[in-house]
Amino acid sequence: MLKIKRIYEAPEPDDGCRILVDRLWPRGISKEKAALDLWLKEIAPSDELRHWFGHVPQRWSGFAQKYRLELQDKTELLQLLREKLSQGPLTLLYAAKDEQHNQAAVLAEVLQE
């Protein structure tokens, strides 16, 4: 089972392995409150792409396409996530306010393909 959720939501027992997929640590969240198993900042979009997107919904399709291209160079990290997923529930955590337009949504789609 794969799910995505904001890191600001409380951890739940069915989250399974909790992995933060943001390049930057989320504001106002302590490491204890985050209850992470792993912070995989290397799989996050590049700083250049992140700044270009700026969470502007009109740029979403372009962002998703460009992020997918970046992920092609991160096969080892994707394999790690697939291994974690094969071992049980996996929750990809992100900090963005937009629950539909964020890198975790793209990453989840890639992992499910």
C-alpha atoms as a PDB file:
ATOM      1  CA  MET A   1       0.000   0.000   0.000  1.00  0.00           C
ATOM      2  CA  LEU A   2       1.382   3.377  -1.047  1.00  0.00           C
ATOM      3  CA  LYS A   3       0.027   6.676   0.152  1.00  0.00           C
ATOM      4  CA  ILE A   4       1.092  10.290   0.305  1.00  0.00           C
ATOM      5  CA  LYS A   5       0.352  12.792   3.025  1.00  0.00           C
ATOM      6  CA  ARG A   6       1.471  16.121   4.399  1.00  0.00           C
ATOM      7  CA  ILE A   7       4.112  15.854   7.056  1.00  0.00           C
ATOM      8  CA  TYR A   8       1.979  18.162   9.202  1.00  0.00           C
ATOM      9  CA  GLU A   9      -0.640  15.406   9.583  1.00  0.00           C
ATOM     10  CA  ALA A  10      -0.233  13.180  12.627  1.00  0.00           C
ATOM     11  CA  PRO A  11       1.499   9.833  12.093  1.00  0.00           C
ATOM     12  CA  GLU A  12      -0.830   6.839  12.005  1.00  0.00           C
ATOM     13  CA  PRO A  13      -0.087   3.159  12.595  1.00  0.00           C
ATOM     14  CA  ASP A  14      -1.067   2.239   9.021  1.00  0.00           C
ATOM     15  CA  ASP A  15       1.486   4.701   7.556  1.00  0.00           C
ATOM     16  CA  GLY A  16       4.091   1.972   7.600  1.00  0.00           C
ATOM     17  CA  CYS A  17       7.475   3.267   6.490  1.00  0.00           C
ATOM     18  CA  ARG A  18       7.398   7.088   6.521  1.00  0.00           C
ATOM     19  CA  ILE A  19       9.740   8.801   4.052  1.00  0.00           C
ATOM     20  CA  LEU A  20      10.080  12.546   3.604  1.00  0.00           C
ATOM     21  CA  VAL A  21      10.651  13.347  -0.086  1.00  0.00           C
ATOM     22  CA  ASP A  22      11.271  17.106   0.224  1.00  0.00           C
ATOM     23  CA  ARG A  23      14.677  18.670  -0.403  1.00  0.00           C
ATOM     24  CA  LEU A  24      14.216  21.108   2.497  1.00  0.00           C
ATOM     25  CA  TRP A  25      13.235  20.289   6.057  1.00  0.00           C
ATOM     26  CA  PRO A  26       9.621  21.440   6.698  1.00  0.00           C
ATOM     27  CA  ARG A  27       9.159  24.494   8.889  1.00  0.00           C
ATOM     28  CA  GLY A  28       7.858  24.005  12.393  1.00  0.00           C
ATOM     29  CA  ILE A  29       8.266  20.226  12.474  1.00  0.00           C
ATOM     30  CA  SER A  30      10.604  18.588  14.945  1.00  0.00           C
ATOM     31  CA  LYS A  31      12.290  15.313  14.071  1.00  0.00           C
ATOM     32  CA  GLU A  32      10.312  13.641  16.840  1.00  0.00           C
ATOM     33  CA  LYS A  33       6.980  14.945  15.552  1.00  0.00           C
ATOM     34  CA  ALA A  34       7.850  13.932  11.982  1.00  0.00           C
ATOM     35  CA  ALA A  35       8.320  10.302  13.051  1.00  0.00           C
ATOM     36  CA  LEU A  36      10.370   9.572   9.940  1.00  0.00           C
ATOM     37  CA  ASP A  37      12.009   6.356   8.942  1.00  0.00           C
ATOM     38  CA  LEU A  38      14.016   8.133   6.258  1.00  0.00           C
ATOM     39  CA  TRP A  39      14.574  11.587   4.763  1.00  0.00           C
ATOM     40  CA  LEU A  40      15.279  10.985   1.086  1.00  0.00           C
ATOM     41  CA  LYS A  41      15.999  14.549  -0.004  1.00  0.00           C
ATOM     42  CA  GLU A  42      18.051  13.345  -2.981  1.00  0.00           C
ATOM     43  CA  ILE A  43      14.886  12.149  -4.748  1.00  0.00           C
ATOM     44  CA  ALA A  44      13.221  15.554  -4.495  1.00  0.00           C
ATOM     45  CA  PRO A  45      13.047  17.823  -7.551  1.00  0.00           C
ATOM     46  CA  SER A  46      16.126  19.901  -8.263  1.00  0.00           C
ATOM     47  CA  ASP A  47      16.270  23.368  -6.749  1.00  0.00           C
ATOM     48  CA  GLU A  48      15.953  24.820 -10.240  1.00  0.00           C
ATOM     49  CA  LEU A  49      12.774  22.859 -10.983  1.00  0.00           C
ATOM     50  CA  ARG A  50      11.325  23.515  -7.545  1.00  0.00           C
ATOM     51  CA  HIS A  51      11.824  27.267  -7.918  1.00  0.00           C
ATOM     52  CA  TRP A  52      10.433  27.270 -11.458  1.00  0.00           C
ATOM     53  CA  PHE A  53       7.271  25.414 -10.384  1.00  0.00           C
ATOM     54  CA  GLY A  54       6.668  27.567  -7.308  1.00  0.00           C
ATOM     55  CA  HIS A  55       3.472  25.542  -6.663  1.00  0.00           C
ATOM     56  CA  VAL A  56       1.700  27.427  -9.437  1.00  0.00           C
ATOM     57  CA  PRO A  57      -1.082  25.040 -10.560  1.00  0.00           C
ATOM     58  CA  GLN A  58      -0.862  26.255 -14.179  1.00  0.00           C
ATOM     59  CA  ARG A  59       2.708  24.885 -14.313  1.00  0.00           C
ATOM     60  CA  TRP A  60       1.712  21.486 -12.931  1.00  0.00           C
ATOM     61  CA  SER A  61       1.836  19.433 -16.129  1.00  0.00           C
ATOM     62  CA  GLY A  62       5.202  20.929 -17.078  1.00  0.00           C
ATOM     63  CA  PHE A  63       6.526  20.305 -13.585  1.00  0.00           C
ATOM     64  CA  ALA A  64       5.339  16.697 -13.571  1.00  0.00           C
ATOM     65  CA  GLN A  65       6.920  16.036 -16.957  1.00  0.00           C
ATOM     66  CA  LYS A  66      10.247  17.641 -15.986  1.00  0.00           C
ATOM     67  CA  TYR A  67      10.335  15.873 -12.623  1.00  0.00           C
ATOM     68  CA  ARG A  68       9.744  12.520 -14.323  1.00  0.00           C
ATOM     69  CA  LEU A  69      12.783  13.255 -16.508  1.00  0.00           C
ATOM     70  CA  GLU A  70      14.855  14.008 -13.407  1.00  0.00           C
ATOM     71  CA  LEU A  71      13.712  10.762 -11.823  1.00  0.00           C
ATOM     72  CA  GLN A  72      15.134   8.799 -14.764  1.00  0.00           C
ATOM     73  CA  ASP A  73      18.582   9.584 -13.358  1.00  0.00           C
ATOM     74  CA  LYS A  74      17.631   8.383  -9.868  1.00  0.00           C
ATOM     75  CA  THR A  75      17.086   4.682 -10.512  1.00  0.00           C
ATOM     76  CA  GLU A  76      18.881   3.577  -7.327  1.00  0.00           C
ATOM     77  CA  LEU A  77      16.658   5.773  -5.174  1.00  0.00           C
ATOM     78  CA  LEU A  78      13.523   4.595  -6.974  1.00  0.00           C
ATOM     79  CA  GLN A  79      14.642   1.005  -6.433  1.00  0.00           C
ATOM     80  CA  LEU A  80      15.087   1.718  -2.728  1.00  0.00           C
ATOM     81  CA  LEU A  81      11.522   3.052  -2.542  1.00  0.00           C
ATOM     82  CA  ARG A  82      10.207   0.030  -4.449  1.00  0.00           C
ATOM     83  CA  GLU A  83      11.983  -2.287  -2.003  1.00  0.00           C
ATOM     84  CA  LYS A  84      10.452  -0.438   0.944  1.00  0.00           C
ATOM     85  CA  LEU A  85       7.048  -0.701  -0.705  1.00  0.00           C
ATOM     86  CA  SER A  86       7.470  -4.451  -1.239  1.00  0.00           C
ATOM     87  CA  GLN A  87       8.120  -4.838   2.500  1.00  0.00           C
ATOM     88  CA  GLY A  88       4.859  -3.208   3.589  1.00  0.00           C
ATOM     89  CA  PRO A  89       2.943   0.065   3.647  1.00  0.00           C
ATOM     90  CA  LEU A  90       4.862   3.127   2.491  1.00  0.00           C
ATOM     91  CA  THR A  91       3.920   6.754   3.053  1.00  0.00           C
ATOM     92  CA  LEU A  92       5.614   9.511   1.069  1.00  0.00           C
ATOM     93  CA  LEU A  93       5.612  12.726   3.078  1.00  0.00           C
ATOM     94  CA  TYR A  94       5.717  16.256   1.699  1.00  0.00           C
ATOM     95  CA  ALA A  95       5.281  19.753   3.152  1.00  0.00           C
ATOM     96  CA  ALA A  96       3.464  21.575   0.330  1.00  0.00           C
ATOM     97  CA  LYS A  97       0.023  23.007   1.101  1.00  0.00           C
ATOM     98  CA  ASP A  98      -1.378  21.790  -2.227  1.00  0.00           C
ATOM     99  CA  GLU A  99      -2.350  18.165  -1.723  1.00  0.00           C
ATOM    100  CA  GLN A 100      -2.721  17.445  -5.444  1.00  0.00           C
ATOM    101  CA  HIS A 101       0.133  19.377  -7.024  1.00  0.00           C
ATOM    102  CA  ASN A 102       3.338  18.241  -5.308  1.00  0.00           C
ATOM    103  CA  GLN A 103       6.323  16.052  -6.025  1.00  0.00           C
ATOM    104  CA  ALA A 104       5.078  13.197  -3.837  1.00  0.00           C
ATOM    105  CA  ALA A 105       2.065  12.799  -6.158  1.00  0.00           C
ATOM    106  CA  VAL A 106       4.342  12.463  -9.184  1.00  0.00           C
ATOM    107  CA  LEU A 107       6.668  10.127  -7.341  1.00  0.00           C
ATOM    108  CA  ALA A 108       3.771   7.904  -6.247  1.00  0.00           C
ATOM    109  CA  GLU A 109       2.589   7.642  -9.863  1.00  0.00           C
ATOM    110  CA  VAL A 110       6.075   6.648 -11.005  1.00  0.00           C
ATOM    111  CA  LEU A 111       6.343   3.987  -8.300  1.00  0.00           C
ATOM    112  CA  GLN A 112       2.967   2.517  -9.250  1.00  0.00           C
ATOM    113  CA  GLU A 113       3.782   2.258 -12.960  1.00  0.00           C
END
